[in-house]
Amino acid sequence: MRADGGKYEDVAPLVWVFPTEIPDGQWGSRGVIRPLPAIQAFIAGEHERTVGVERLARRRRVKALELLEAVLDAARKGTG
């Protein structure tokens, strides 16, 4: 923004950052939380919202399996 001599208001709608370590529902832009399906719809069109829904569901399944595997591993070792 500064290098371009522009204003925040002109640049803010054009800048999107997708840090993968931040959980869904905690991403935002311009002071508003944006869930993944809303971001997908904004970028690719409303008809693509389901892509974001499916990706989020897949990510949640992977995280749940990782947690279950860790619990089973701890139980087998007799810890925790």
N, C-alpha and C. Protein backbone atom coordinates (compact mmCIF):
# COMPACT_ATOMS: atom_id res chain seq x y z
N MET A 1 0.83 -1.17 0.00
CA MET A 1 0.00 0.00 0.00
C MET A 1 0.88 1.24 0.00
N ARG A 2 1.85 1.28 0.91
CA ARG A 2 2.73 2.45 0.97
C ARG A 2 3.58 2.57 -0.29
N ALA A 3 4.07 1.44 -0.80
CA ALA A 3 4.91 1.46 -2.00
C ALA A 3 4.13 1.97 -3.20
N ASP A 4 2.84 1.70 -3.19
CA ASP A 4 1.99 2.10 -4.31
C ASP A 4 1.43 3.52 -4.12
N GLY A 5 1.66 4.09 -2.94
CA GLY A 5 1.13 5.42 -2.67
C GLY A 5 -0.38 5.43 -2.49
N GLY A 6 -0.94 4.26 -2.19
CA GLY A 6 -2.38 4.15 -2.06
C GLY A 6 -2.88 4.31 -0.64
N LYS A 7 -4.16 4.14 -0.48
CA LYS A 7 -4.80 4.23 0.82
C LYS A 7 -5.27 2.84 1.23
N TYR A 8 -5.37 2.63 2.53
CA TYR A 8 -5.84 1.37 3.07
C TYR A 8 -7.17 0.95 2.44
N GLU A 9 -8.09 1.88 2.34
CA GLU A 9 -9.42 1.59 1.82
C GLU A 9 -9.38 1.08 0.37
N ASP A 10 -8.39 1.54 -0.39
CA ASP A 10 -8.27 1.12 -1.79
C ASP A 10 -7.66 -0.28 -1.91
N VAL A 11 -6.77 -0.61 -0.99
CA VAL A 11 -6.02 -1.86 -1.08
C VAL A 11 -6.69 -3.00 -0.31
N ALA A 12 -7.36 -2.72 0.80
CA ALA A 12 -7.90 -3.76 1.67
C ALA A 12 -8.76 -4.80 0.95
N PRO A 13 -9.64 -4.43 0.03
CA PRO A 13 -10.44 -5.46 -0.64
C PRO A 13 -9.64 -6.39 -1.55
N LEU A 14 -8.42 -6.01 -1.89
CA LEU A 14 -7.60 -6.79 -2.81
C LEU A 14 -6.65 -7.76 -2.12
N VAL A 15 -6.49 -7.62 -0.80
CA VAL A 15 -5.50 -8.41 -0.08
C VAL A 15 -6.19 -9.49 0.74
N TRP A 16 -5.81 -10.73 0.48
CA TRP A 16 -6.33 -11.88 1.25
C TRP A 16 -5.13 -12.71 1.70
N VAL A 17 -5.11 -13.08 2.96
CA VAL A 17 -4.05 -13.91 3.52
C VAL A 17 -4.70 -15.16 4.08
N PHE A 18 -4.15 -16.32 3.76
CA PHE A 18 -4.72 -17.59 4.21
C PHE A 18 -3.69 -18.37 5.02
N PRO A 19 -3.47 -17.97 6.26
CA PRO A 19 -2.54 -18.73 7.09
C PRO A 19 -3.19 -20.05 7.50
N THR A 20 -2.53 -21.15 7.19
CA THR A 20 -3.14 -22.46 7.43
C THR A 20 -3.19 -22.84 8.91
N GLU A 21 -2.41 -22.17 9.74
CA GLU A 21 -2.41 -22.53 11.16
C GLU A 21 -3.56 -21.89 11.94
N ILE A 22 -4.30 -21.01 11.32
CA ILE A 22 -5.43 -20.37 11.99
C ILE A 22 -6.70 -21.16 11.67
N PRO A 23 -7.42 -21.62 12.69
CA PRO A 23 -8.63 -22.41 12.44
C PRO A 23 -9.73 -21.61 11.73
N ASP A 24 -10.58 -22.34 11.01
CA ASP A 24 -11.70 -21.71 10.34
C ASP A 24 -12.56 -20.98 11.36
N GLY A 25 -13.16 -19.90 10.92
CA GLY A 25 -13.98 -19.10 11.82
C GLY A 25 -13.19 -18.04 12.56
N GLN A 26 -11.87 -18.02 12.33
CA GLN A 26 -11.02 -17.01 12.96
C GLN A 26 -10.28 -16.19 11.91
N TRP A 27 -10.62 -16.39 10.64
CA TRP A 27 -10.04 -15.58 9.58
C TRP A 27 -10.90 -14.35 9.41
N GLY A 28 -10.29 -13.27 9.02
CA GLY A 28 -11.09 -12.07 8.85
C GLY A 28 -10.50 -11.12 7.85
N SER A 29 -11.32 -10.19 7.47
CA SER A 29 -10.87 -9.10 6.62
C SER A 29 -11.76 -7.90 6.90
N ARG A 30 -11.15 -6.77 6.94
CA ARG A 30 -11.89 -5.52 7.13
C ARG A 30 -12.79 -5.56 8.36
N GLY A 31 -12.31 -6.23 9.42
CA GLY A 31 -13.03 -6.26 10.68
C GLY A 31 -14.16 -7.26 10.76
N VAL A 32 -14.24 -8.20 9.81
CA VAL A 32 -15.33 -9.18 9.79
C VAL A 32 -14.75 -10.59 9.71
N ILE A 33 -15.25 -11.51 10.55
CA ILE A 33 -14.83 -12.90 10.48
C ILE A 33 -15.42 -13.52 9.22
N ARG A 34 -14.60 -14.23 8.47
CA ARG A 34 -15.02 -14.86 7.22
C ARG A 34 -14.76 -16.37 7.29
N PRO A 35 -15.80 -17.20 7.37
CA PRO A 35 -15.58 -18.65 7.34
C PRO A 35 -15.16 -19.09 5.94
N LEU A 36 -14.51 -20.23 5.86
CA LEU A 36 -13.99 -20.71 4.59
C LEU A 36 -15.03 -20.76 3.47
N PRO A 37 -16.26 -21.28 3.70
CA PRO A 37 -17.24 -21.29 2.61
C PRO A 37 -17.56 -19.89 2.07
N ALA A 38 -17.57 -18.90 2.92
CA ALA A 38 -17.83 -17.53 2.47
C ALA A 38 -16.67 -17.00 1.63
N ILE A 39 -15.45 -17.35 2.02
CA ILE A 39 -14.28 -16.93 1.26
C ILE A 39 -14.30 -17.59 -0.12
N GLN A 40 -14.61 -18.89 -0.14
CA GLN A 40 -14.67 -19.62 -1.41
C GLN A 40 -15.72 -18.99 -2.33
N ALA A 41 -16.88 -18.66 -1.78
CA ALA A 41 -17.95 -18.05 -2.58
C ALA A 41 -17.53 -16.68 -3.10
N PHE A 42 -16.82 -15.92 -2.28
CA PHE A 42 -16.37 -14.59 -2.69
C PHE A 42 -15.37 -14.69 -3.84
N ILE A 43 -14.44 -15.63 -3.72
CA ILE A 43 -13.37 -15.75 -4.72
C ILE A 43 -13.89 -16.36 -6.02
N ALA A 44 -14.63 -17.46 -5.91
CA ALA A 44 -14.99 -18.23 -7.11
C ALA A 44 -16.45 -18.10 -7.52
N GLY A 45 -17.25 -17.42 -6.72
CA GLY A 45 -18.67 -17.30 -7.03
C GLY A 45 -19.52 -18.13 -6.09
N GLU A 46 -20.73 -17.69 -5.90
CA GLU A 46 -21.64 -18.33 -4.94
C GLU A 46 -21.83 -19.82 -5.25
N HIS A 47 -21.82 -20.19 -6.51
CA HIS A 47 -22.02 -21.58 -6.88
C HIS A 47 -20.88 -22.49 -6.39
N GLU A 48 -19.75 -21.91 -5.97
CA GLU A 48 -18.61 -22.68 -5.48
C GLU A 48 -18.55 -22.74 -3.95
N ARG A 49 -19.54 -22.20 -3.27
CA ARG A 49 -19.56 -22.21 -1.80
C ARG A 49 -19.41 -23.65 -1.27
N THR A 50 -20.03 -24.61 -1.94
CA THR A 50 -19.97 -26.00 -1.46
C THR A 50 -18.55 -26.55 -1.45
N VAL A 51 -17.67 -26.03 -2.31
CA VAL A 51 -16.27 -26.45 -2.30
C VAL A 51 -15.65 -26.10 -0.94
N GLY A 52 -15.94 -24.92 -0.44
CA GLY A 52 -15.44 -24.51 0.88
C GLY A 52 -16.04 -25.36 1.98
N VAL A 53 -17.33 -25.66 1.88
CA VAL A 53 -17.99 -26.51 2.89
C VAL A 53 -17.34 -27.89 2.92
N GLU A 54 -17.11 -28.47 1.74
CA GLU A 54 -16.51 -29.80 1.65
C GLU A 54 -15.07 -29.81 2.15
N ARG A 55 -14.31 -28.78 1.80
CA ARG A 55 -12.92 -28.71 2.25
C ARG A 55 -12.85 -28.59 3.77
N LEU A 56 -13.72 -27.78 4.33
CA LEU A 56 -13.76 -27.61 5.78
C LEU A 56 -14.14 -28.92 6.46
N ALA A 57 -15.12 -29.63 5.93
CA ALA A 57 -15.54 -30.91 6.50
C ALA A 57 -14.39 -31.92 6.44
N ARG A 58 -13.68 -31.94 5.32
CA ARG A 58 -12.54 -32.85 5.16
C ARG A 58 -11.45 -32.53 6.17
N ARG A 59 -11.17 -31.26 6.36
CA ARG A 59 -10.15 -30.83 7.33
C ARG A 59 -10.55 -31.23 8.75
N ARG A 60 -11.81 -31.08 9.08
CA ARG A 60 -12.28 -31.44 10.42
C ARG A 60 -12.19 -32.95 10.65
N ARG A 61 -12.48 -33.73 9.60
CA ARG A 61 -12.34 -35.19 9.73
C ARG A 61 -10.90 -35.58 9.99
N VAL A 62 -9.97 -34.97 9.25
CA VAL A 62 -8.54 -35.27 9.42
C VAL A 62 -8.10 -34.92 10.84
N LYS A 63 -8.50 -33.75 11.32
CA LYS A 63 -8.13 -33.33 12.68
C LYS A 63 -8.72 -34.27 13.73
N ALA A 64 -9.96 -34.71 13.53
CA ALA A 64 -10.60 -35.63 14.48
C ALA A 64 -9.87 -36.96 14.50
N LEU A 65 -9.49 -37.46 13.33
CA LEU A 65 -8.74 -38.73 13.28
C LEU A 65 -7.38 -38.60 13.94
N GLU A 66 -6.72 -37.48 13.75
CA GLU A 66 -5.42 -37.26 14.41
C GLU A 66 -5.59 -37.28 15.93
N LEU A 67 -6.63 -36.64 16.42
CA LEU A 67 -6.89 -36.62 17.86
C LEU A 67 -7.20 -38.02 18.38
N LEU A 68 -8.04 -38.75 17.67
CA LEU A 68 -8.37 -40.11 18.09
C LEU A 68 -7.14 -41.02 18.10
N GLU A 69 -6.29 -40.89 17.09
CA GLU A 69 -5.07 -41.69 17.04
C GLU A 69 -4.15 -41.36 18.21
N ALA A 70 -4.06 -40.10 18.58
CA ALA A 70 -3.23 -39.70 19.72
C ALA A 70 -3.79 -40.26 21.02
N VAL A 71 -5.08 -40.24 21.18
CA VAL A 71 -5.73 -40.78 22.39
C VAL A 71 -5.50 -42.29 22.46
N LEU A 72 -5.70 -42.99 21.35
CA LEU A 72 -5.47 -44.44 21.33
C LEU A 72 -4.03 -44.77 21.62
N ASP A 73 -3.11 -44.01 21.06
CA ASP A 73 -1.68 -44.24 21.31
C ASP A 73 -1.36 -44.05 22.79
N ALA A 74 -1.89 -43.01 23.39
CA ALA A 74 -1.67 -42.74 24.82
C ALA A 74 -2.27 -43.86 25.66
N ALA A 75 -3.46 -44.36 25.29
CA ALA A 75 -4.11 -45.43 26.04
C ALA A 75 -3.30 -46.71 25.95
N ARG A 76 -2.76 -47.00 24.78
CA ARG A 76 -1.95 -48.21 24.61
C ARG A 76 -0.68 -48.16 25.43
N LYS A 77 -0.12 -46.97 25.57
CA LYS A 77 1.11 -46.79 26.34
C LYS A 77 0.84 -46.68 27.83
N GLY A 78 -0.43 -46.54 28.19
CA GLY A 78 -0.79 -46.42 29.58
C GLY A 78 -0.48 -45.07 30.19
N THR A 79 -0.46 -44.04 29.33
CA THR A 79 -0.22 -42.67 29.82
C THR A 79 -1.49 -41.86 29.65
N GLY A 80 -1.55 -40.80 30.42
CA GLY A 80 -2.66 -39.85 30.29
C GLY A 80 -3.95 -40.49 30.53
